[in-house]
Amino acid sequence: SVSSYNQEMSEVEARYVNLKYIADNEWIFFSNYNSPKAQQFNTHNQVS
């Protein structure tokens, strides 16, 4: 579960994704870059 901050709505949102890789200290999953979560990552890069 990855939680992100929706700056426009001042809300925290969570969703499940599939973790594909752990490469060194990086944890990697894949998504549509136009999705709401991607936009939230762009404006607030801290996640839980």
All heavy atoms as atom14 arrays in JSON, in Angstrom:
{
  "sequence": "SVSSYNQEMSEVEARYVNLKYIADNEWIFFSNYNSPKAQQFNTHNQVS",
  "atom14_mask": [
    [1, 1, 1, 1, 1, 1, 0, 0, 0, 0, 0, 0, 0, 0],
    [1, 1, 1, 1, 1, 1, 1, 0, 0, 0, 0, 0, 0, 0],
    [1, 1, 1, 1, 1, 1, 0, 0, 0, 0, 0, 0, 0, 0],
    [1, 1, 1, 1, 1, 1, 0, 0, 0, 0, 0, 0, 0, 0],
    [1, 1, 1, 1, 1, 1, 1, 1, 1, 1, 1, 1, 0, 0],
    [1, 1, 1, 1, 1, 1, 1, 1, 0, 0, 0, 0, 0, 0],
    [1, 1, 1, 1, 1, 1, 1, 1, 1, 0, 0, 0, 0, 0],
    [1, 1, 1, 1, 1, 1, 1, 1, 1, 0, 0, 0, 0, 0],
    [1, 1, 1, 1, 1, 1, 1, 1, 0, 0, 0, 0, 0, 0],
    [1, 1, 1, 1, 1, 1, 0, 0, 0, 0, 0, 0, 0, 0],
    [1, 1, 1, 1, 1, 1, 1, 1, 1, 0, 0, 0, 0, 0],
    [1, 1, 1, 1, 1, 1, 1, 0, 0, 0, 0, 0, 0, 0],
    [1, 1, 1, 1, 1, 1, 1, 1, 1, 0, 0, 0, 0, 0],
    [1, 1, 1, 1, 1, 0, 0, 0, 0, 0, 0, 0, 0, 0],
    [1, 1, 1, 1, 1, 1, 1, 1, 1, 1, 1, 0, 0, 0],
    [1, 1, 1, 1, 1, 1, 1, 1, 1, 1, 1, 1, 0, 0],
    [1, 1, 1, 1, 1, 1, 1, 0, 0, 0, 0, 0, 0, 0],
    [1, 1, 1, 1, 1, 1, 1, 1, 0, 0, 0, 0, 0, 0],
    [1, 1, 1, 1, 1, 1, 1, 1, 0, 0, 0, 0, 0, 0],
    [1, 1, 1, 1, 1, 1, 1, 1, 1, 0, 0, 0, 0, 0],
    [1, 1, 1, 1, 1, 1, 1, 1, 1, 1, 1, 1, 0, 0],
    [1, 1, 1, 1, 1, 1, 1, 1, 0, 0, 0, 0, 0, 0],
    [1, 1, 1, 1, 1, 0, 0, 0, 0, 0, 0, 0, 0, 0],
    [1, 1, 1, 1, 1, 1, 1, 1, 0, 0, 0, 0, 0, 0],
    [1, 1, 1, 1, 1, 1, 1, 1, 0, 0, 0, 0, 0, 0],
    [1, 1, 1, 1, 1, 1, 1, 1, 1, 0, 0, 0, 0, 0],
    [1, 1, 1, 1, 1, 1, 1, 1, 1, 1, 1, 1, 1, 1],
    [1, 1, 1, 1, 1, 1, 1, 1, 0, 0, 0, 0, 0, 0],
    [1, 1, 1, 1, 1, 1, 1, 1, 1, 1, 1, 0, 0, 0],
    [1, 1, 1, 1, 1, 1, 1, 1, 1, 1, 1, 0, 0, 0],
    [1, 1, 1, 1, 1, 1, 0, 0, 0, 0, 0, 0, 0, 0],
    [1, 1, 1, 1, 1, 1, 1, 1, 0, 0, 0, 0, 0, 0],
    [1, 1, 1, 1, 1, 1, 1, 1, 1, 1, 1, 1, 0, 0],
    [1, 1, 1, 1, 1, 1, 1, 1, 0, 0, 0, 0, 0, 0],
    [1, 1, 1, 1, 1, 1, 0, 0, 0, 0, 0, 0, 0, 0],
    [1, 1, 1, 1, 1, 1, 1, 0, 0, 0, 0, 0, 0, 0],
    [1, 1, 1, 1, 1, 1, 1, 1, 1, 0, 0, 0, 0, 0],
    [1, 1, 1, 1, 1, 0, 0, 0, 0, 0, 0, 0, 0, 0],
    [1, 1, 1, 1, 1, 1, 1, 1, 1, 0, 0, 0, 0, 0],
    [1, 1, 1, 1, 1, 1, 1, 1, 1, 0, 0, 0, 0, 0],
    [1, 1, 1, 1, 1, 1, 1, 1, 1, 1, 1, 0, 0, 0],
    [1, 1, 1, 1, 1, 1, 1, 1, 0, 0, 0, 0, 0, 0],
    [1, 1, 1, 1, 1, 1, 1, 0, 0, 0, 0, 0, 0, 0],
    [1, 1, 1, 1, 1, 1, 1, 1, 1, 1, 0, 0, 0, 0],
    [1, 1, 1, 1, 1, 1, 1, 1, 0, 0, 0, 0, 0, 0],
    [1, 1, 1, 1, 1, 1, 1, 1, 1, 0, 0, 0, 0, 0],
    [1, 1, 1, 1, 1, 1, 1, 0, 0, 0, 0, 0, 0, 0],
    [1, 1, 1, 1, 1, 1, 0, 0, 0, 0, 0, 0, 0, 0]
  ],
  "atom14_positions": [
    [[0.85, -1.18, 0.0], [0.0, 0.0, 0.0], [0.89, 1.24, 0.0], [1.79, 1.36, 0.84], [-0.89, 0.0, 1.25], [-1.61, 1.22, 1.34], [0.0, 0.0, 0.0], [0.0, 0.0, 0.0], [0.0, 0.0, 0.0], [0.0, 0.0, 0.0], [0.0, 0.0, 0.0], [0.0, 0.0, 0.0], [0.0, 0.0, 0.0], [0.0, 0.0, 0.0]],
    [[0.64, 2.14, -0.95], [1.41, 3.38, -1.04], [0.45, 4.55, -0.81], [-0.54, 4.7, -1.53], [2.1, 3.52, -2.41], [2.85, 4.85, -2.5], [3.04, 2.36, -2.67], [0.0, 0.0, 0.0], [0.0, 0.0, 0.0], [0.0, 0.0, 0.0], [0.0, 0.0, 0.0], [0.0, 0.0, 0.0], [0.0, 0.0, 0.0], [0.0, 0.0, 0.0]],
    [[0.76, 5.36, 0.19], [-0.05, 6.54, 0.49], [0.67, 7.79, 0.0], [1.88, 7.92, 0.19], [-0.3, 6.65, 1.99], [-1.05, 5.55, 2.46], [0.0, 0.0, 0.0], [0.0, 0.0, 0.0], [0.0, 0.0, 0.0], [0.0, 0.0, 0.0], [0.0, 0.0, 0.0], [0.0, 0.0, 0.0], [0.0, 0.0, 0.0], [0.0, 0.0, 0.0]],
    [[-0.08, 8.68, -0.6], [0.48, 9.93, -1.12], [-0.41, 11.1, -0.7], [-1.53, 10.9, -0.21], [0.59, 9.87, -2.64], [-0.69, 9.61, -3.22], [0.0, 0.0, 0.0], [0.0, 0.0, 0.0], [0.0, 0.0, 0.0], [0.0, 0.0, 0.0], [0.0, 0.0, 0.0], [0.0, 0.0, 0.0], [0.0, 0.0, 0.0], [0.0, 0.0, 0.0]],
    [[0.1, 12.3, -0.9], [-0.63, 13.51, -0.5], [-1.18, 14.21, -1.73], [-0.44, 14.56, -2.65], [0.3, 14.45, 0.26], [-0.38, 15.71, 0.73], [-1.42, 15.67, 1.65], [0.02, 16.96, 0.24], [-2.05, 16.83, 2.08], [-0.59, 18.13, 0.66], [-1.62, 18.05, 1.59], [-2.24, 19.21, 2.01], [0.0, 0.0, 0.0], [0.0, 0.0, 0.0]],
    [[-2.49, 14.41, -1.72], [-3.17, 15.16, -2.77], [-3.19, 16.62, -2.35], [-4.0, 17.04, -1.53], [-4.6, 14.61, -2.94], [-5.36, 15.28, -4.07], [-5.12, 16.44, -4.39], [-6.27, 14.54, -4.67], [0.0, 0.0, 0.0], [0.0, 0.0, 0.0], [0.0, 0.0, 0.0], [0.0, 0.0, 0.0], [0.0, 0.0, 0.0], [0.0, 0.0, 0.0]],
    [[-2.27, 17.38, -2.92], [-2.1, 18.78, -2.51], [-3.33, 19.62, -2.86], [-3.74, 20.5, -2.09], [-0.86, 19.34, -3.2], [-0.19, 20.48, -2.48], [1.21, 20.72, -3.02], [1.44, 20.7, -4.22], [2.16, 20.93, -2.13], [0.0, 0.0, 0.0], [0.0, 0.0, 0.0], [0.0, 0.0, 0.0], [0.0, 0.0, 0.0], [0.0, 0.0, 0.0]],
    [[-3.94, 19.34, -4.0], [-5.09, 20.12, -4.45], [-6.28, 19.98, -3.5], [-6.99, 20.96, -3.21], [-5.49, 19.67, -5.86], [-6.61, 20.48, -6.47], [-6.95, 20.01, -7.88], [-6.15, 19.29, -8.49], [-8.04, 20.38, -8.35], [0.0, 0.0, 0.0], [0.0, 0.0, 0.0], [0.0, 0.0, 0.0], [0.0, 0.0, 0.0], [0.0, 0.0, 0.0]],
    [[-6.49, 18.75, -2.98], [-7.63, 18.49, -2.11], [-7.26, 18.47, -0.63], [-8.13, 18.3, 0.23], [-8.26, 17.14, -2.49], [-8.73, 17.05, -3.92], [-10.05, 18.21, -4.32], [-11.39, 17.57, -3.32], [0.0, 0.0, 0.0], [0.0, 0.0, 0.0], [0.0, 0.0, 0.0], [0.0, 0.0, 0.0], [0.0, 0.0, 0.0], [0.0, 0.0, 0.0]],
    [[-5.97, 18.6, -0.32], [-5.48, 18.49, 1.07], [-5.93, 17.18, 1.69], [-6.43, 17.13, 2.82], [-5.96, 19.67, 1.92], [-5.44, 20.89, 1.44], [0.0, 0.0, 0.0], [0.0, 0.0, 0.0], [0.0, 0.0, 0.0], [0.0, 0.0, 0.0], [0.0, 0.0, 0.0], [0.0, 0.0, 0.0], [0.0, 0.0, 0.0], [0.0, 0.0, 0.0]],
    [[-5.75, 16.1, 0.93], [-6.14, 14.76, 1.37], [-4.98, 13.78, 1.21], [-4.14, 13.95, 0.32], [-7.32, 14.23, 0.54], [-8.61, 14.97, 0.73], [-9.71, 14.44, -0.18], [-9.38, 13.82, -1.22], [-10.88, 14.66, 0.14], [0.0, 0.0, 0.0], [0.0, 0.0, 0.0], [0.0, 0.0, 0.0], [0.0, 0.0, 0.0], [0.0, 0.0, 0.0]],
    [[-4.98, 12.77, 2.06], [-4.04, 11.65, 1.89], [-4.8, 10.52, 1.22], [-5.94, 10.2, 1.59], [-3.49, 11.19, 3.25], [-2.61, 9.95, 3.07], [-2.67, 12.31, 3.91], [0.0, 0.0, 0.0], [0.0, 0.0, 0.0], [0.0, 0.0, 0.0], [0.0, 0.0, 0.0], [0.0, 0.0, 0.0], [0.0, 0.0, 0.0], [0.0, 0.0, 0.0]],
    [[-4.2, 9.9, 0.21], [-4.83, 8.81, -0.52], [-3.91, 7.59, -0.52], [-2.68, 7.73, -0.55], [-5.12, 9.23, -1.97], [-6.06, 10.43, -2.07], [-6.4, 10.79, -3.51], [-6.04, 10.01, -4.42], [-7.02, 11.84, -3.71], [0.0, 0.0, 0.0], [0.0, 0.0, 0.0], [0.0, 0.0, 0.0], [0.0, 0.0, 0.0], [0.0, 0.0, 0.0]],
    [[-4.5, 6.41, -0.49], [-3.72, 5.17, -0.47], [-4.27, 4.21, -1.51], [-5.47, 4.23, -1.83], [-3.75, 4.52, 0.9], [0.0, 0.0, 0.0], [0.0, 0.0, 0.0], [0.0, 0.0, 0.0], [0.0, 0.0, 0.0], [0.0, 0.0, 0.0], [0.0, 0.0, 0.0], [0.0, 0.0, 0.0], [0.0, 0.0, 0.0], [0.0, 0.0, 0.0]],
    [[-3.38, 3.37, -2.04], [-3.78, 2.33, -2.97], [-2.73, 1.23, -2.96], [-1.58, 1.45, -2.55], [-3.96, 2.85, -4.41], [-2.67, 3.05, -5.19], [-1.84, 4.2, -4.76], [-2.5, 5.45, -5.03], [-2.2, 6.57, -4.4], [-1.24, 6.59, -3.48], [-2.83, 7.7, -4.67], [0.0, 0.0, 0.0], [0.0, 0.0, 0.0], [0.0, 0.0, 0.0]],
    [[-3.12, 0.01, -3.39], [-2.16, -1.09, -3.49], [-1.53, -1.08, -4.89], [-2.19, -0.82, -5.89], [-2.84, -2.43, -3.26], [-3.06, -2.73, -1.8], [-4.29, -2.49, -1.19], [-2.02, -3.24, -1.01], [-4.49, -2.74, 0.15], [-2.21, -3.49, 0.33], [-3.45, -3.24, 0.9], [-3.64, -3.49, 2.24], [0.0, 0.0, 0.0], [0.0, 0.0, 0.0]],
    [[-0.24, -1.35, -4.91], [0.49, -1.55, -6.16], [1.32, -2.82, -6.0], [1.5, -3.33, -4.89], [1.41, -0.34, -6.49], [0.6, 0.94, -6.64], [2.5, -0.18, -5.44], [0.0, 0.0, 0.0], [0.0, 0.0, 0.0], [0.0, 0.0, 0.0], [0.0, 0.0, 0.0], [0.0, 0.0, 0.0], [0.0, 0.0, 0.0], [0.0, 0.0, 0.0]],
    [[1.82, -3.32, -7.12], [2.67, -4.5, -7.08], [4.14, -4.09, -7.14], [4.59, -3.53, -8.14], [2.36, -5.44, -8.25], [1.04, -6.16, -8.07], [0.6, -6.4, -6.96], [0.38, -6.5, -9.17], [0.0, 0.0, 0.0], [0.0, 0.0, 0.0], [0.0, 0.0, 0.0], [0.0, 0.0, 0.0], [0.0, 0.0, 0.0], [0.0, 0.0, 0.0]],
    [[4.85, -4.37, -6.06], [6.29, -4.09, -6.02], [6.99, -5.12, -6.9], [6.84, -6.33, -6.71], [6.8, -4.18, -4.59], [8.26, -3.84, -4.37], [8.53, -2.36, -4.63], [8.69, -4.2, -2.94], [0.0, 0.0, 0.0], [0.0, 0.0, 0.0], [0.0, 0.0, 0.0], [0.0, 0.0, 0.0], [0.0, 0.0, 0.0], [0.0, 0.0, 0.0]],
    [[7.75, -4.65, -7.89], [8.38, -5.56, -8.84], [9.84, -5.84, -8.53], [10.33, -6.95, -8.74], [8.27, -4.99, -10.27], [6.85, -4.93, -10.79], [6.27, -6.33, -10.93], [4.9, -6.3, -11.58], [4.33, -7.66, -11.71], [0.0, 0.0, 0.0], [0.0, 0.0, 0.0], [0.0, 0.0, 0.0], [0.0, 0.0, 0.0], [0.0, 0.0, 0.0]],
    [[10.56, -4.81, -8.07], [12.0, -4.95, -7.85], [12.43, -4.25, -6.56], [11.84, -3.24, -6.17], [12.81, -4.3, -8.99], [12.51, -4.79, -10.37], [11.59, -4.12, -11.18], [13.16, -5.91, -10.9], [11.31, -4.56, -12.47], [12.89, -6.34, -12.19], [11.96, -5.67, -12.96], [11.7, -6.1, -14.24], [0.0, 0.0, 0.0], [0.0, 0.0, 0.0]],
    [[13.47, -4.79, -5.95], [14.27, -4.04, -4.99], [15.69, -4.08, -5.54], [16.32, -5.14, -5.58], [14.21, -4.62, -3.57], [12.76, -4.59, -3.06], [15.12, -3.82, -2.63], [12.58, -5.22, -1.68], [0.0, 0.0, 0.0], [0.0, 0.0, 0.0], [0.0, 0.0, 0.0], [0.0, 0.0, 0.0], [0.0, 0.0, 0.0], [0.0, 0.0, 0.0]],
    [[16.15, -2.94, -6.03], [17.47, -2.84, -6.67], [18.35, -1.96, -5.8], [18.12, -0.74, -5.73], [17.35, -2.26, -8.07], [0.0, 0.0, 0.0], [0.0, 0.0, 0.0], [0.0, 0.0, 0.0], [0.0, 0.0, 0.0], [0.0, 0.0, 0.0], [0.0, 0.0, 0.0], [0.0, 0.0, 0.0], [0.0, 0.0, 0.0], [0.0, 0.0, 0.0]],
    [[19.31, -2.58, -5.12], [20.12, -1.88, -4.12], [19.17, -1.34, -3.05], [18.53, -2.1, -2.35], [20.97, -0.8, -4.78], [22.02, -0.22, -3.83], [22.23, -0.79, -2.74], [22.63, 0.8, -4.17], [0.0, 0.0, 0.0], [0.0, 0.0, 0.0], [0.0, 0.0, 0.0], [0.0, 0.0, 0.0], [0.0, 0.0, 0.0], [0.0, 0.0, 0.0]],
    [[19.02, -0.01, -2.94], [18.11, 0.54, -1.93], [16.85, 1.14, -2.55], [16.09, 1.85, -1.88], [18.83, 1.61, -1.1], [19.23, 2.83, -1.93], [19.28, 2.76, -3.15], [19.53, 3.93, -1.26], [0.0, 0.0, 0.0], [0.0, 0.0, 0.0], [0.0, 0.0, 0.0], [0.0, 0.0, 0.0], [0.0, 0.0, 0.0], [0.0, 0.0, 0.0]],
    [[16.6, 0.84, -3.83], [15.43, 1.38, -4.52], [14.33, 0.31, -4.62], [14.59, -0.83, -4.99], [15.81, 1.84, -5.92], [16.79, 2.99, -5.95], [17.04, 3.49, -7.36], [16.05, 3.77, -8.07], [18.22, 3.56, -7.76], [0.0, 0.0, 0.0], [0.0, 0.0, 0.0], [0.0, 0.0, 0.0], [0.0, 0.0, 0.0], [0.0, 0.0, 0.0]],
    [[13.1, 0.72, -4.33], [11.92, -0.14, -4.38], [11.09, 0.33, -5.57], [10.69, 1.5, -5.61], [11.14, -0.04, -3.08], [11.98, -0.33, -1.86], [13.11, 0.31, -1.45], [11.74, -1.35, -0.89], [13.59, -0.25, -0.3], [12.78, -1.27, 0.07], [10.75, -2.33, -0.74], [12.85, -2.12, 1.17], [10.82, -3.18, 0.35], [11.85, -3.07, 1.29]],
    [[10.81, -0.56, -6.51], [10.31, -0.12, -7.81], [8.99, -0.79, -8.18], [8.84, -2.02, -8.09], [11.36, -0.41, -8.9], [12.65, 0.37, -8.6], [10.83, -0.05, -10.29], [13.85, -0.05, -9.43], [0.0, 0.0, 0.0], [0.0, 0.0, 0.0], [0.0, 0.0, 0.0], [0.0, 0.0, 0.0], [0.0, 0.0, 0.0], [0.0, 0.0, 0.0]],
    [[8.03, 0.05, -8.59], [6.77, -0.43, -9.17], [6.47, 0.41, -10.4], [7.19, 1.37, -10.7], [5.62, -0.36, -8.15], [5.26, 1.03, -7.7], [4.28, 1.77, -8.35], [5.9, 1.6, -6.61], [3.95, 3.06, -7.93], [5.56, 2.89, -6.17], [4.6, 3.61, -6.85], [0.0, 0.0, 0.0], [0.0, 0.0, 0.0], [0.0, 0.0, 0.0]],
    [[5.41, 0.05, -11.13], [5.13, 0.71, -12.42], [3.69, 1.21, -12.45], [2.79, 0.64, -11.83], [5.39, -0.27, -13.57], [6.85, -0.64, -13.67], [7.37, -1.63, -12.88], [7.7, 0.04, -14.54], [8.73, -1.96, -12.93], [9.04, -0.27, -14.6], [9.56, -1.28, -13.8], [0.0, 0.0, 0.0], [0.0, 0.0, 0.0], [0.0, 0.0, 0.0]],
    [[3.5, 2.29, -13.21], [2.19, 2.92, -13.25], [2.08, 3.84, -14.46], [3.06, 4.13, -15.13], [1.95, 3.72, -11.97], [0.67, 4.33, -11.98], [0.0, 0.0, 0.0], [0.0, 0.0, 0.0], [0.0, 0.0, 0.0], [0.0, 0.0, 0.0], [0.0, 0.0, 0.0], [0.0, 0.0, 0.0], [0.0, 0.0, 0.0], [0.0, 0.0, 0.0]],
    [[0.86, 4.32, -14.68], [0.6, 5.35, -15.68], [1.06, 6.68, -15.11], [0.66, 7.07, -14.01], [-0.9, 5.37, -16.01], [-1.23, 6.28, -17.15], [-0.88, 7.45, -17.16], [-1.93, 5.75, -18.14], [0.0, 0.0, 0.0], [0.0, 0.0, 0.0], [0.0, 0.0, 0.0], [0.0, 0.0, 0.0], [0.0, 0.0, 0.0], [0.0, 0.0, 0.0]],
    [[1.9, 7.4, -15.85], [2.44, 8.68, -15.37], [1.4, 9.8, -15.37], [1.66, 10.88, -14.83], [3.65, 9.09, -16.21], [4.91, 8.31, -15.94], [5.86, 8.14, -16.94], [5.17, 7.75, -14.7], [7.04, 7.44, -16.71], [6.34, 7.05, -14.45], [7.26, 6.89, -15.45], [8.43, 6.21, -15.21], [0.0, 0.0, 0.0], [0.0, 0.0, 0.0]],
    [[0.23, 9.57, -15.99], [-0.84, 10.57, -15.98], [-1.88, 10.29, -14.9], [-2.86, 11.02, -14.78], [-1.53, 10.63, -17.34], [-0.6, 11.1, -18.44], [0.27, 11.94, -18.21], [-0.75, 10.53, -19.63], [0.0, 0.0, 0.0], [0.0, 0.0, 0.0], [0.0, 0.0, 0.0], [0.0, 0.0, 0.0], [0.0, 0.0, 0.0], [0.0, 0.0, 0.0]],
    [[-1.68, 9.23, -14.12], [-2.65, 8.84, -13.1], [-2.64, 9.84, -11.94], [-1.67, 10.58, -11.74], [-2.33, 7.44, -12.59], [-1.08, 7.45, -11.89], [0.0, 0.0, 0.0], [0.0, 0.0, 0.0], [0.0, 0.0, 0.0], [0.0, 0.0, 0.0], [0.0, 0.0, 0.0], [0.0, 0.0, 0.0], [0.0, 0.0, 0.0], [0.0, 0.0, 0.0]],
    [[-3.7, 9.86, -11.12], [-3.72, 10.75, -9.96], [-2.54, 10.54, -9.02], [-1.95, 11.51, -8.55], [-5.05, 10.4, -9.28], [-5.92, 9.93, -10.39], [-5.0, 9.17, -11.31], [0.0, 0.0, 0.0], [0.0, 0.0, 0.0], [0.0, 0.0, 0.0], [0.0, 0.0, 0.0], [0.0, 0.0, 0.0], [0.0, 0.0, 0.0], [0.0, 0.0, 0.0]],
    [[-2.16, 9.28, -8.77], [-1.05, 9.07, -7.84], [0.25, 9.62, -8.4], [1.06, 10.18, -7.66], [-0.91, 7.59, -7.48], [-0.57, 6.63, -8.6], [-0.42, 5.22, -8.03], [-0.24, 4.17, -9.11], [-1.44, 4.02, -9.97], [0.0, 0.0, 0.0], [0.0, 0.0, 0.0], [0.0, 0.0, 0.0], [0.0, 0.0, 0.0], [0.0, 0.0, 0.0]],
    [[0.45, 9.49, -9.72], [1.66, 10.02, -10.33], [1.72, 11.54, -10.2], [2.79, 12.1, -9.91], [1.73, 9.62, -11.79], [0.0, 0.0, 0.0], [0.0, 0.0, 0.0], [0.0, 0.0, 0.0], [0.0, 0.0, 0.0], [0.0, 0.0, 0.0], [0.0, 0.0, 0.0], [0.0, 0.0, 0.0], [0.0, 0.0, 0.0], [0.0, 0.0, 0.0]],
    [[0.59, 12.2, -10.38], [0.54, 13.65, -10.22], [0.84, 14.04, -8.77], [1.52, 15.05, -8.51], [-0.83, 14.19, -10.64], [-1.22, 13.88, -12.09], [-0.16, 14.3, -13.09], [0.3, 15.44, -13.07], [0.24, 13.4, -13.98], [0.0, 0.0, 0.0], [0.0, 0.0, 0.0], [0.0, 0.0, 0.0], [0.0, 0.0, 0.0], [0.0, 0.0, 0.0]],
    [[0.34, 13.24, -7.84], [0.61, 13.51, -6.43], [2.09, 13.31, -6.09], [2.67, 14.09, -5.33], [-0.27, 12.61, -5.56], [-1.74, 13.0, -5.63], [-2.68, 11.89, -5.18], [-2.3, 11.0, -4.44], [-3.93, 11.96, -5.62], [0.0, 0.0, 0.0], [0.0, 0.0, 0.0], [0.0, 0.0, 0.0], [0.0, 0.0, 0.0], [0.0, 0.0, 0.0]],
    [[2.71, 12.28, -6.67], [4.14, 12.08, -6.45], [4.95, 13.27, -6.98], [5.96, 13.64, -6.4], [4.63, 10.81, -7.16], [3.98, 9.52, -6.7], [3.9, 8.43, -7.56], [3.46, 9.39, -5.43], [3.32, 7.24, -7.16], [2.87, 8.2, -5.02], [2.8, 7.12, -5.89], [0.0, 0.0, 0.0], [0.0, 0.0, 0.0], [0.0, 0.0, 0.0]],
    [[4.48, 13.85, -8.09], [5.19, 14.98, -8.69], [5.15, 16.23, -7.82], [6.11, 17.01, -7.8], [4.6, 15.31, -10.07], [4.95, 14.27, -11.12], [5.92, 13.54, -10.98], [4.14, 14.2, -12.16], [0.0, 0.0, 0.0], [0.0, 0.0, 0.0], [0.0, 0.0, 0.0], [0.0, 0.0, 0.0], [0.0, 0.0, 0.0], [0.0, 0.0, 0.0]],
    [[4.03, 16.42, -7.12], [3.89, 17.65, -6.32], [4.3, 17.46, -4.86], [4.55, 18.44, -4.16], [2.43, 18.14, -6.36], [1.56, 17.11, -5.89], [2.03, 18.53, -7.78], [0.0, 0.0, 0.0], [0.0, 0.0, 0.0], [0.0, 0.0, 0.0], [0.0, 0.0, 0.0], [0.0, 0.0, 0.0], [0.0, 0.0, 0.0], [0.0, 0.0, 0.0]],
    [[4.36, 16.2, -4.41], [4.75, 15.92, -3.02], [5.45, 14.56, -3.03], [4.78, 13.53, -3.09], [3.52, 15.9, -2.11], [3.85, 15.77, -0.66], [4.14, 16.85, 0.14], [3.96, 14.67, 0.13], [4.39, 16.43, 1.37], [4.29, 15.12, 1.39], [0.0, 0.0, 0.0], [0.0, 0.0, 0.0], [0.0, 0.0, 0.0], [0.0, 0.0, 0.0]],
    [[6.77, 14.56, -2.97], [7.51, 13.32, -3.24], [7.76, 12.44, -2.02], [8.54, 11.5, -2.08], [8.85, 13.65, -3.92], [9.85, 14.29, -2.95], [9.47, 14.86, -1.93], [11.13, 14.22, -3.28], [0.0, 0.0, 0.0], [0.0, 0.0, 0.0], [0.0, 0.0, 0.0], [0.0, 0.0, 0.0], [0.0, 0.0, 0.0], [0.0, 0.0, 0.0]],
    [[7.06, 12.73, -0.92], [7.18, 11.87, 0.26], [5.97, 10.94, 0.3], [4.83, 11.38, 0.12], [7.24, 12.72, 1.54], [7.66, 11.95, 2.79], [6.49, 11.26, 3.47], [5.35, 11.7, 3.38], [6.77, 10.16, 4.16], [0.0, 0.0, 0.0], [0.0, 0.0, 0.0], [0.0, 0.0, 0.0], [0.0, 0.0, 0.0], [0.0, 0.0, 0.0]],
    [[6.23, 9.65, 0.51], [5.15, 8.66, 0.56], [5.3, 7.79, 1.81], [6.37, 7.71, 2.42], [5.14, 7.75, -0.69], [4.82, 8.54, -1.94], [6.46, 6.99, -0.85], [0.0, 0.0, 0.0], [0.0, 0.0, 0.0], [0.0, 0.0, 0.0], [0.0, 0.0, 0.0], [0.0, 0.0, 0.0], [0.0, 0.0, 0.0], [0.0, 0.0, 0.0]],
    [[4.2, 7.16, 2.16], [4.18, 6.17, 3.23], [3.8, 4.83, 2.62], [2.89, 4.76, 1.79], [3.15, 6.58, 4.3], [3.11, 5.63, 5.34], [0.0, 0.0, 0.0], [0.0, 0.0, 0.0], [0.0, 0.0, 0.0], [0.0, 0.0, 0.0], [0.0, 0.0, 0.0], [0.0, 0.0, 0.0], [0.0, 0.0, 0.0], [0.0, 0.0, 0.0]]
  ]
}
